[in-house]
Amino acid sequence: MTLTLPDDPALRSIPSAELQLDLACGLYASGRVSRNVAARIAGVDRAVFDESLFVRNIPTYTSEMLAEDMENMRELSGE
Protein backbone atom coordinates (compact mmCIF):
# COMPACT_ATOMS: atom_id res chain seq x y z
CA MET A 1 0.00 0.00 0.00
CA THR A 2 1.21 3.47 -0.78
CA LEU A 3 0.08 6.46 1.21
CA THR A 4 0.45 9.90 -0.34
CA LEU A 5 0.56 12.88 1.98
CA PRO A 6 0.26 16.51 0.96
CA ASP A 7 3.49 18.37 0.31
CA ASP A 8 3.07 20.43 3.45
CA PRO A 9 6.01 22.25 5.05
CA ALA A 10 4.94 20.92 8.47
CA LEU A 11 5.60 17.36 7.32
CA ARG A 12 8.96 17.92 5.63
CA SER A 13 10.96 17.79 8.85
CA ILE A 14 9.36 14.56 10.08
CA PRO A 15 11.12 11.38 8.93
CA SER A 16 8.87 8.92 7.12
CA ALA A 17 9.58 6.18 9.70
CA GLU A 18 8.31 8.50 12.44
CA LEU A 19 5.15 9.27 10.47
CA GLN A 20 4.63 5.55 9.93
CA LEU A 21 5.00 4.90 13.68
CA ASP A 22 2.62 7.75 14.53
CA LEU A 23 0.03 6.35 12.12
CA ALA A 24 0.36 2.87 13.61
CA CYS A 25 0.01 4.21 17.16
CA GLY A 26 -3.08 6.17 16.17
CA LEU A 27 -4.68 3.16 14.52
CA TYR A 28 -3.98 1.04 17.59
CA ALA A 29 -5.22 3.73 20.00
CA SER A 30 -8.49 4.04 18.06
CA GLY A 31 -9.03 0.28 18.26
CA ARG A 32 -8.86 -0.22 14.50
CA VAL A 33 -5.91 -2.63 14.56
CA SER A 34 -4.26 -4.94 17.07
CA ARG A 35 -0.82 -4.32 18.57
CA ASN A 36 0.74 -6.95 16.31
CA VAL A 37 -0.75 -5.41 13.18
CA ALA A 38 0.20 -1.91 14.30
CA ALA A 39 3.79 -3.01 14.91
CA ARG A 40 3.93 -4.41 11.37
CA ILE A 41 2.49 -1.16 9.99
CA ALA A 42 5.16 0.76 11.90
CA GLY A 43 7.86 -1.58 10.61
CA VAL A 44 9.14 -2.36 14.10
CA ASP A 45 9.06 -5.35 16.41
CA ARG A 46 6.48 -5.66 19.18
CA ALA A 47 8.85 -4.57 21.95
CA VAL A 48 9.73 -1.34 20.13
CA PHE A 49 6.07 -0.72 19.36
CA ASP A 50 5.04 -1.33 22.98
CA GLU A 51 7.70 1.16 24.12
CA SER A 52 6.33 3.69 21.63
CA LEU A 53 2.84 3.23 23.08
CA PHE A 54 4.22 3.71 26.59
CA VAL A 55 6.05 6.91 25.62
CA ARG A 56 2.83 8.25 24.05
CA ASN A 57 0.76 7.26 27.12
CA ILE A 58 -1.41 4.95 25.02
CA PRO A 59 -2.73 2.18 27.27
CA THR A 60 -2.32 -1.43 26.25
CA TYR A 61 -4.52 -2.76 29.05
CA THR A 62 -7.80 -0.94 29.47
CA SER A 63 -10.36 -0.88 32.26
CA GLU A 64 -12.68 -2.81 29.94
CA MET A 65 -10.05 -5.54 29.63
CA LEU A 66 -9.70 -5.63 33.42
CA ALA A 67 -13.47 -5.94 33.89
CA GLU A 68 -13.59 -8.77 31.36
CA ASP A 69 -10.68 -10.55 33.07
CA MET A 70 -12.33 -10.15 36.46
CA GLU A 71 -15.60 -11.60 35.14
CA ASN A 72 -13.73 -14.54 33.61
CA MET A 73 -11.98 -15.17 36.94
CA ARG A 74 -15.33 -15.13 38.79
CA GLU A 75 -16.76 -17.64 36.32
CA LEU A 76 -13.73 -19.90 36.59
CA SER A 77 -13.79 -19.82 40.39
CA GLY A 78 -17.50 -20.69 40.44
CA GLU A 79 -18.73 -17.48 42.06
PDB file of N, CA and C in Angstrom:
ATOM      1  N   MET A   1       0.843  -1.168   0.000  1.00  0.00           N
ATOM      2  CA  MET A   1       0.000   0.000   0.000  1.00  0.00           C
ATOM      3  C   MET A   1       0.894   1.239   0.000  1.00  0.00           C
ATOM      4  N   THR A   2       0.502   2.202  -0.751  1.00  0.00           N
ATOM      5  CA  THR A   2       1.214   3.470  -0.784  1.00  0.00           C
ATOM      6  C   THR A   2       0.297   4.560  -0.260  1.00  0.00           C
ATOM      7  N   LEU A   3       0.826   5.354   0.637  1.00  0.00           N
ATOM      8  CA  LEU A   3       0.076   6.460   1.211  1.00  0.00           C
ATOM      9  C   LEU A   3       0.725   7.750   0.737  1.00  0.00           C
ATOM     10  N   THR A   4      -0.064   8.626   0.143  1.00  0.00           N
ATOM     11  CA  THR A   4       0.447   9.896  -0.337  1.00  0.00           C
ATOM     12  C   THR A   4      -0.042  11.011   0.574  1.00  0.00           C
ATOM     13  N   LEU A   5       0.895  11.765   1.112  1.00  0.00           N
ATOM     14  CA  LEU A   5       0.562  12.879   1.984  1.00  0.00           C
ATOM     15  C   LEU A   5       0.767  14.181   1.227  1.00  0.00           C
ATOM     16  N   PRO A   6       0.076  15.232   1.638  1.00  0.00           N
ATOM     17  CA  PRO A   6       0.263  16.508   0.965  1.00  0.00           C
ATOM     18  C   PRO A   6       1.686  17.026   1.172  1.00  0.00           C
ATOM     19  N   ASP A   7       2.159  17.781   0.220  1.00  0.00           N
ATOM     20  CA  ASP A   7       3.490  18.366   0.313  1.00  0.00           C
ATOM     21  C   ASP A   7       3.402  19.608   1.198  1.00  0.00           C
ATOM     22  N   ASP A   8       3.261  19.359   2.490  1.00  0.00           N
ATOM     23  CA  ASP A   8       3.072  20.435   3.453  1.00  0.00           C
ATOM     24  C   ASP A   8       4.387  20.694   4.181  1.00  0.00           C
ATOM     25  N   PRO A   9       4.758  21.941   4.352  1.00  0.00           N
ATOM     26  CA  PRO A   9       6.011  22.250   5.053  1.00  0.00           C
ATOM     27  C   PRO A   9       6.079  21.644   6.453  1.00  0.00           C
ATOM     28  N   ALA A  10       4.949  21.491   7.117  1.00  0.00           N
ATOM     29  CA  ALA A  10       4.938  20.922   8.469  1.00  0.00           C
ATOM     30  C   ALA A  10       5.397  19.470   8.482  1.00  0.00           C
ATOM     31  N   LEU A  11       5.236  18.777   7.375  1.00  0.00           N
ATOM     32  CA  LEU A  11       5.602  17.361   7.316  1.00  0.00           C
ATOM     33  C   LEU A  11       7.035  17.133   6.844  1.00  0.00           C
ATOM     34  N   ARG A  12       7.632  18.103   6.232  1.00  0.00           N
ATOM     35  CA  ARG A  12       8.962  17.917   5.630  1.00  0.00           C
ATOM     36  C   ARG A  12      10.038  17.557   6.634  1.00  0.00           C
ATOM     37  N   SER A  13       9.914  18.045   7.851  1.00  0.00           N
ATOM     38  CA  SER A  13      10.964  17.788   8.851  1.00  0.00           C
ATOM     39  C   SER A  13      10.747  16.490   9.621  1.00  0.00           C
ATOM     40  N   ILE A  14       9.653  15.808   9.359  1.00  0.00           N
ATOM     41  CA  ILE A  14       9.359  14.558  10.079  1.00  0.00           C
ATOM     42  C   ILE A  14       9.774  13.374   9.211  1.00  0.00           C
ATOM     43  N   PRO A  15      10.698  12.558   9.711  1.00  0.00           N
ATOM     44  CA  PRO A  15      11.125  11.381   8.934  1.00  0.00           C
ATOM     45  C   PRO A  15       9.949  10.445   8.649  1.00  0.00           C
ATOM     46  N   SER A  16       9.974   9.792   7.507  1.00  0.00           N
ATOM     47  CA  SER A  16       8.868   8.917   7.121  1.00  0.00           C
ATOM     48  C   SER A  16       8.655   7.781   8.120  1.00  0.00           C
ATOM     49  N   ALA A  17       9.735   7.254   8.709  1.00  0.00           N
ATOM     50  CA  ALA A  17       9.583   6.177   9.700  1.00  0.00           C
ATOM     51  C   ALA A  17       8.821   6.674  10.924  1.00  0.00           C
ATOM     52  N   GLU A  18       9.033   7.936  11.302  1.00  0.00           N
ATOM     53  CA  GLU A  18       8.315   8.503  12.438  1.00  0.00           C
ATOM     54  C   GLU A  18       6.837   8.695  12.113  1.00  0.00           C
ATOM     55  N   LEU A  19       6.547   9.137  10.900  1.00  0.00           N
ATOM     56  CA  LEU A  19       5.150   9.274  10.473  1.00  0.00           C
ATOM     57  C   LEU A  19       4.461   7.914  10.454  1.00  0.00           C
ATOM     58  N   GLN A  20       5.173   6.907   9.993  1.00  0.00           N
ATOM     59  CA  GLN A  20       4.634   5.549   9.935  1.00  0.00           C
ATOM     60  C   GLN A  20       4.318   5.049  11.344  1.00  0.00           C
ATOM     61  N   LEU A  21       5.219   5.309  12.290  1.00  0.00           N
ATOM     62  CA  LEU A  21       4.998   4.898  13.678  1.00  0.00           C
ATOM     63  C   LEU A  21       3.822   5.666  14.282  1.00  0.00           C
ATOM     64  N   ASP A  22       3.744   6.960  14.014  1.00  0.00           N
ATOM     65  CA  ASP A  22       2.622   7.751  14.528  1.00  0.00           C
ATOM     66  C   ASP A  22       1.290   7.238  13.987  1.00  0.00           C
ATOM     67  N   LEU A  23       1.255   6.899  12.718  1.00  0.00           N
ATOM     68  CA  LEU A  23       0.033   6.350  12.115  1.00  0.00           C
ATOM     69  C   LEU A  23      -0.347   5.038  12.798  1.00  0.00           C
ATOM     70  N   ALA A  24       0.624   4.164  12.973  1.00  0.00           N
ATOM     71  CA  ALA A  24       0.359   2.871  13.607  1.00  0.00           C
ATOM     72  C   ALA A  24      -0.146   3.043  15.036  1.00  0.00           C
ATOM     73  N   CYS A  25       0.460   3.959  15.785  1.00  0.00           N
ATOM     74  CA  CYS A  25       0.013   4.210  17.162  1.00  0.00           C
ATOM     75  C   CYS A  25      -1.416   4.740  17.170  1.00  0.00           C
ATOM     76  N   GLY A  26      -1.726   5.628  16.255  1.00  0.00           N
ATOM     77  CA  GLY A  26      -3.076   6.170  16.172  1.00  0.00           C
ATOM     78  C   GLY A  26      -4.104   5.109  15.826  1.00  0.00           C
ATOM     79  N   LEU A  27      -3.763   4.242  14.891  1.00  0.00           N
ATOM     80  CA  LEU A  27      -4.679   3.161  14.517  1.00  0.00           C
ATOM     81  C   LEU A  27      -4.904   2.206  15.681  1.00  0.00           C
ATOM     82  N   TYR A  28      -3.831   1.902  16.420  1.00  0.00           N
ATOM     83  CA  TYR A  28      -3.984   1.039  17.585  1.00  0.00           C
ATOM     84  C   TYR A  28      -4.832   1.729  18.659  1.00  0.00           C
ATOM     85  N   ALA A  29      -4.517   2.991  18.953  1.00  0.00           N
ATOM     86  CA  ALA A  29      -5.224   3.725  20.000  1.00  0.00           C
ATOM     87  C   ALA A  29      -6.714   3.846  19.708  1.00  0.00           C
ATOM     88  N   SER A  30      -7.073   3.920  18.430  1.00  0.00           N
ATOM     89  CA  SER A  30      -8.489   4.043  18.063  1.00  0.00           C
ATOM     90  C   SER A  30      -9.196   2.692  18.031  1.00  0.00           C
ATOM     91  N   GLY A  31      -8.436   1.608  18.240  1.00  0.00           N
ATOM     92  CA  GLY A  31      -9.029   0.277  18.260  1.00  0.00           C
ATOM     93  C   GLY A  31      -9.237  -0.325  16.881  1.00  0.00           C
ATOM     94  N   ARG A  32      -8.650   0.269  15.875  1.00  0.00           N
ATOM     95  CA  ARG A  32      -8.864  -0.223  14.499  1.00  0.00           C
ATOM     96  C   ARG A  32      -7.964  -1.388  14.131  1.00  0.00           C
ATOM     97  N   VAL A  33      -6.809  -1.510  14.810  1.00  0.00           N
ATOM     98  CA  VAL A  33      -5.906  -2.631  14.558  1.00  0.00           C
ATOM     99  C   VAL A  33      -5.339  -3.134  15.884  1.00  0.00           C
ATOM    100  N   SER A  34      -4.874  -4.359  15.880  1.00  0.00           N
ATOM    101  CA  SER A  34      -4.257  -4.944  17.070  1.00  0.00           C
ATOM    102  C   SER A  34      -2.821  -4.423  17.223  1.00  0.00           C
ATOM    103  N   ARG A  35      -2.212  -4.726  18.359  1.00  0.00           N
ATOM    104  CA  ARG A  35      -0.818  -4.317  18.573  1.00  0.00           C
ATOM    105  C   ARG A  35       0.111  -4.987  17.572  1.00  0.00           C
ATOM    106  N   ASN A  36      -0.129  -6.257  17.277  1.00  0.00           N
ATOM    107  CA  ASN A  36       0.741  -6.946  16.311  1.00  0.00           C
ATOM    108  C   ASN A  36       0.649  -6.310  14.932  1.00  0.00           C
ATOM    109  N   VAL A  37      -0.559  -6.035  14.492  1.00  0.00           N
ATOM    110  CA  VAL A  37      -0.746  -5.412  13.179  1.00  0.00           C
ATOM    111  C   VAL A  37      -0.130  -4.018  13.167  1.00  0.00           C
ATOM    112  N   ALA A  38      -0.351  -3.255  14.227  1.00  0.00           N
ATOM    113  CA  ALA A  38       0.204  -1.910  14.300  1.00  0.00           C
ATOM    114  C   ALA A  38       1.731  -1.937  14.258  1.00  0.00           C
ATOM    115  N   ALA A  39       2.335  -2.891  14.941  1.00  0.00           N
ATOM    116  CA  ALA A  39       3.794  -3.009  14.907  1.00  0.00           C
ATOM    117  C   ALA A  39       4.279  -3.283  13.489  1.00  0.00           C
ATOM    118  N   ARG A  40       3.560  -4.143  12.771  1.00  0.00           N
ATOM    119  CA  ARG A  40       3.934  -4.412  11.370  1.00  0.00           C
ATOM    120  C   ARG A  40       3.783  -3.156  10.522  1.00  0.00           C
ATOM    121  N   ILE A  41       2.701  -2.403  10.730  1.00  0.00           N
ATOM    122  CA  ILE A  41       2.492  -1.157   9.987  1.00  0.00           C
ATOM    123  C   ILE A  41       3.651  -0.200  10.255  1.00  0.00           C
ATOM    124  N   ALA A  42       4.074  -0.138  11.512  1.00  0.00           N
ATOM    125  CA  ALA A  42       5.162   0.761  11.897  1.00  0.00           C
ATOM    126  C   ALA A  42       6.515   0.273  11.401  1.00  0.00           C
ATOM    127  N   GLY A  43       6.588  -1.017  11.068  1.00  0.00           N
ATOM    128  CA  GLY A  43       7.860  -1.576  10.608  1.00  0.00           C
ATOM    129  C   GLY A  43       8.844  -1.823  11.732  1.00  0.00           C
ATOM    130  N   VAL A  44       8.301  -2.086  12.941  1.00  0.00           N
ATOM    131  CA  VAL A  44       9.145  -2.356  14.103  1.00  0.00           C
ATOM    132  C   VAL A  44       8.665  -3.627  14.783  1.00  0.00           C
ATOM    133  N   ASP A  45       9.511  -4.166  15.679  1.00  0.00           N
ATOM    134  CA  ASP A  45       9.065  -5.352  16.412  1.00  0.00           C
ATOM    135  C   ASP A  45       8.142  -4.942  17.552  1.00  0.00           C
ATOM    136  N   ARG A  46       7.487  -5.933  18.157  1.00  0.00           N
ATOM    137  CA  ARG A  46       6.481  -5.661  19.177  1.00  0.00           C
ATOM    138  C   ARG A  46       7.048  -4.908  20.367  1.00  0.00           C
ATOM    139  N   ALA A  47       8.266  -5.244  20.787  1.00  0.00           N
ATOM    140  CA  ALA A  47       8.854  -4.571  21.947  1.00  0.00           C
ATOM    141  C   ALA A  47       9.054  -3.084  21.670  1.00  0.00           C
ATOM    142  N   VAL A  48       9.540  -2.750  20.503  1.00  0.00           N
ATOM    143  CA  VAL A  48       9.734  -1.340  20.128  1.00  0.00           C
ATOM    144  C   VAL A  48       8.386  -0.645  20.036  1.00  0.00           C
ATOM    145  N   PHE A  49       7.394  -1.320  19.459  1.00  0.00           N
ATOM    146  CA  PHE A  49       6.071  -0.719  19.355  1.00  0.00           C
ATOM    147  C   PHE A  49       5.465  -0.492  20.740  1.00  0.00           C
ATOM    148  N   ASP A  50       5.582  -1.478  21.619  1.00  0.00           N
ATOM    149  CA  ASP A  50       5.043  -1.328  22.977  1.00  0.00           C
ATOM    150  C   ASP A  50       5.705  -0.157  23.699  1.00  0.00           C
ATOM    151  N   GLU A  51       6.999   0.023  23.514  1.00  0.00           N
ATOM    152  CA  GLU A  51       7.702   1.158  24.117  1.00  0.00           C
ATOM    153  C   GLU A  51       7.174   2.472  23.547  1.00  0.00           C
ATOM    154  N   SER A  52       6.879   2.499  22.264  1.00  0.00           N
ATOM    155  CA  SER A  52       6.327   3.695  21.625  1.00  0.00           C
ATOM    156  C   SER A  52       4.953   4.029  22.195  1.00  0.00           C
ATOM    157  N   LEU A  53       4.147   3.004  22.453  1.00  0.00           N
ATOM    158  CA  LEU A  53       2.843   3.231  23.077  1.00  0.00           C
ATOM    159  C   LEU A  53       3.017   3.800  24.481  1.00  0.00           C
ATOM    160  N   PHE A  54       3.959   3.242  25.230  1.00  0.00           N
ATOM    161  CA  PHE A  54       4.220   3.710  26.588  1.00  0.00           C
ATOM    162  C   PHE A  54       4.641   5.181  26.587  1.00  0.00           C
ATOM    163  N   VAL A  55       5.564   5.532  25.706  1.00  0.00           N
ATOM    164  CA  VAL A  55       6.053   6.913  25.618  1.00  0.00           C
ATOM    165  C   VAL A  55       4.920   7.878  25.279  1.00  0.00           C
ATOM    166  N   ARG A  56       3.965   7.412  24.472  1.00  0.00           N
ATOM    167  CA  ARG A  56       2.832   8.254  24.048  1.00  0.00           C
ATOM    168  C   ARG A  56       1.647   8.178  25.023  1.00  0.00           C
ATOM    169  N   ASN A  57       1.821   7.448  26.125  1.00  0.00           N
ATOM    170  CA  ASN A  57       0.757   7.262  27.124  1.00  0.00           C
ATOM    171  C   ASN A  57      -0.497   6.636  26.523  1.00  0.00           C
ATOM    172  N   ILE A  58      -0.299   5.697  25.619  1.00  0.00           N
ATOM    173  CA  ILE A  58      -1.410   4.955  25.019  1.00  0.00           C
ATOM    174  C   ILE A  58      -1.515   3.627  25.764  1.00  0.00           C
ATOM    175  N   PRO A  59      -2.621   3.396  26.462  1.00  0.00           N
ATOM    176  CA  PRO A  59      -2.728   2.182  27.267  1.00  0.00           C
ATOM    177  C   PRO A  59      -2.827   0.920  26.409  1.00  0.00           C
ATOM    178  N   THR A  60      -2.221  -0.139  26.918  1.00  0.00           N
ATOM    179  CA  THR A  60      -2.317  -1.431  26.251  1.00  0.00           C
ATOM    180  C   THR A  60      -3.225  -2.377  27.025  1.00  0.00           C
ATOM    181  N   TYR A  61      -3.614  -1.968  28.214  1.00  0.00           N
ATOM    182  CA  TYR A  61      -4.522  -2.755  29.046  1.00  0.00           C
ATOM    183  C   TYR A  61      -5.551  -1.792  29.596  1.00  0.00           C
ATOM    184  N   THR A  62      -6.764  -1.903  29.124  1.00  0.00           N
ATOM    185  CA  THR A  62      -7.803  -0.938  29.471  1.00  0.00           C
ATOM    186  C   THR A  62      -8.651  -1.408  30.641  1.00  0.00           C
ATOM    187  N   SER A  63      -9.456  -0.512  31.172  1.00  0.00           N
ATOM    188  CA  SER A  63     -10.363  -0.880  32.264  1.00  0.00           C
ATOM    189  C   SER A  63     -11.397  -1.892  31.780  1.00  0.00           C
ATOM    190  N   GLU A  64     -11.759  -1.827  30.501  1.00  0.00           N
ATOM    191  CA  GLU A  64     -12.683  -2.814  29.942  1.00  0.00           C
ATOM    192  C   GLU A  64     -12.045  -4.201  29.934  1.00  0.00           C
ATOM    193  N   MET A  65     -10.759  -4.259  29.603  1.00  0.00           N
ATOM    194  CA  MET A  65     -10.050  -5.542  29.626  1.00  0.00           C
ATOM    195  C   MET A  65      -9.989  -6.091  31.044  1.00  0.00           C
ATOM    196  N   LEU A  66      -9.743  -5.209  32.023  1.00  0.00           N
ATOM    197  CA  LEU A  66      -9.702  -5.632  33.418  1.00  0.00           C
ATOM    198  C   LEU A  66     -11.051  -6.177  33.852  1.00  0.00           C
ATOM    199  N   ALA A  67     -12.127  -5.480  33.514  1.00  0.00           N
ATOM    200  CA  ALA A  67     -13.468  -5.939  33.885  1.00  0.00           C
ATOM    201  C   ALA A  67     -13.768  -7.303  33.275  1.00  0.00           C
ATOM    202  N   GLU A  68     -13.377  -7.484  32.022  1.00  0.00           N
ATOM    203  CA  GLU A  68     -13.589  -8.770  31.363  1.00  0.00           C
ATOM    204  C   GLU A  68     -12.774  -9.867  32.041  1.00  0.00           C
ATOM    205  N   ASP A  69     -11.524  -9.567  32.377  1.00  0.00           N
ATOM    206  CA  ASP A  69     -10.684 -10.550  33.066  1.00  0.00           C
ATOM    207  C   ASP A  69     -11.255 -10.903  34.438  1.00  0.00           C
ATOM    208  N   MET A  70     -11.746  -9.903  35.144  1.00  0.00           N
ATOM    209  CA  MET A  70     -12.333 -10.153  36.464  1.00  0.00           C
ATOM    210  C   MET A  70     -13.574 -11.038  36.344  1.00  0.00           C
ATOM    211  N   GLU A  71     -14.397 -10.775  35.352  1.00  0.00           N
ATOM    212  CA  GLU A  71     -15.600 -11.597  35.137  1.00  0.00           C
ATOM    213  C   GLU A  71     -15.202 -13.032  34.799  1.00  0.00           C
ATOM    214  N   ASN A  72     -14.201 -13.190  33.956  1.00  0.00           N
ATOM    215  CA  ASN A  72     -13.728 -14.537  33.610  1.00  0.00           C
ATOM    216  C   ASN A  72     -13.207 -15.268  34.848  1.00  0.00           C
ATOM    217  N   MET A  73     -12.496 -14.547  35.716  1.00  0.00           N
ATOM    218  CA  MET A  73     -11.978 -15.174  36.937  1.00  0.00           C
ATOM    219  C   MET A  73     -13.123 -15.602  37.851  1.00  0.00           C
ATOM    220  N   ARG A  74     -14.153 -14.747  37.958  1.00  0.00           N
ATOM    221  CA  ARG A  74     -15.335 -15.126  38.786  1.00  0.00           C
ATOM    222  C   ARG A  74     -15.984 -16.390  38.241  1.00  0.00           C
ATOM    223  N   GLU A  75     -16.129 -16.455  36.926  1.00  0.00           N
ATOM    224  CA  GLU A  75     -16.761 -17.638  36.316  1.00  0.00           C
ATOM    225  C   GLU A  75     -15.921 -18.878  36.538  1.00  0.00           C
ATOM    226  N   LEU A  76     -14.621 -18.748  36.403  1.00  0.00           N
ATOM    227  CA  LEU A  76     -13.731 -19.896  36.591  1.00  0.00           C
ATOM    228  C   LEU A  76     -13.685 -20.366  38.044  1.00  0.00           C
ATOM    229  N   SER A  77     -13.851 -19.436  38.970  1.00  0.00           N
ATOM    230  CA  SER A  77     -13.793 -19.821  40.392  1.00  0.00           C
ATOM    231  C   SER A  77     -15.154 -20.292  40.910  1.00  0.00           C
ATOM    232  N   GLY A  78     -16.194 -20.205  40.064  1.00  0.00           N
ATOM    233  CA  GLY A  78     -17.497 -20.694  40.441  1.00  0.00           C
ATOM    234  C   GLY A  78     -18.332 -19.737  41.259  1.00  0.00           C
ATOM    235  N   GLU A  79     -17.939 -18.477  41.294  1.00  0.00           N
ATOM    236  CA  GLU A  79     -18.732 -17.484  42.059  1.00  0.00           C
ATOM    237  C   GLU A  79     -19.921 -17.028  41.296  1.00  0.00           C
TER     238      GLU A  79
END
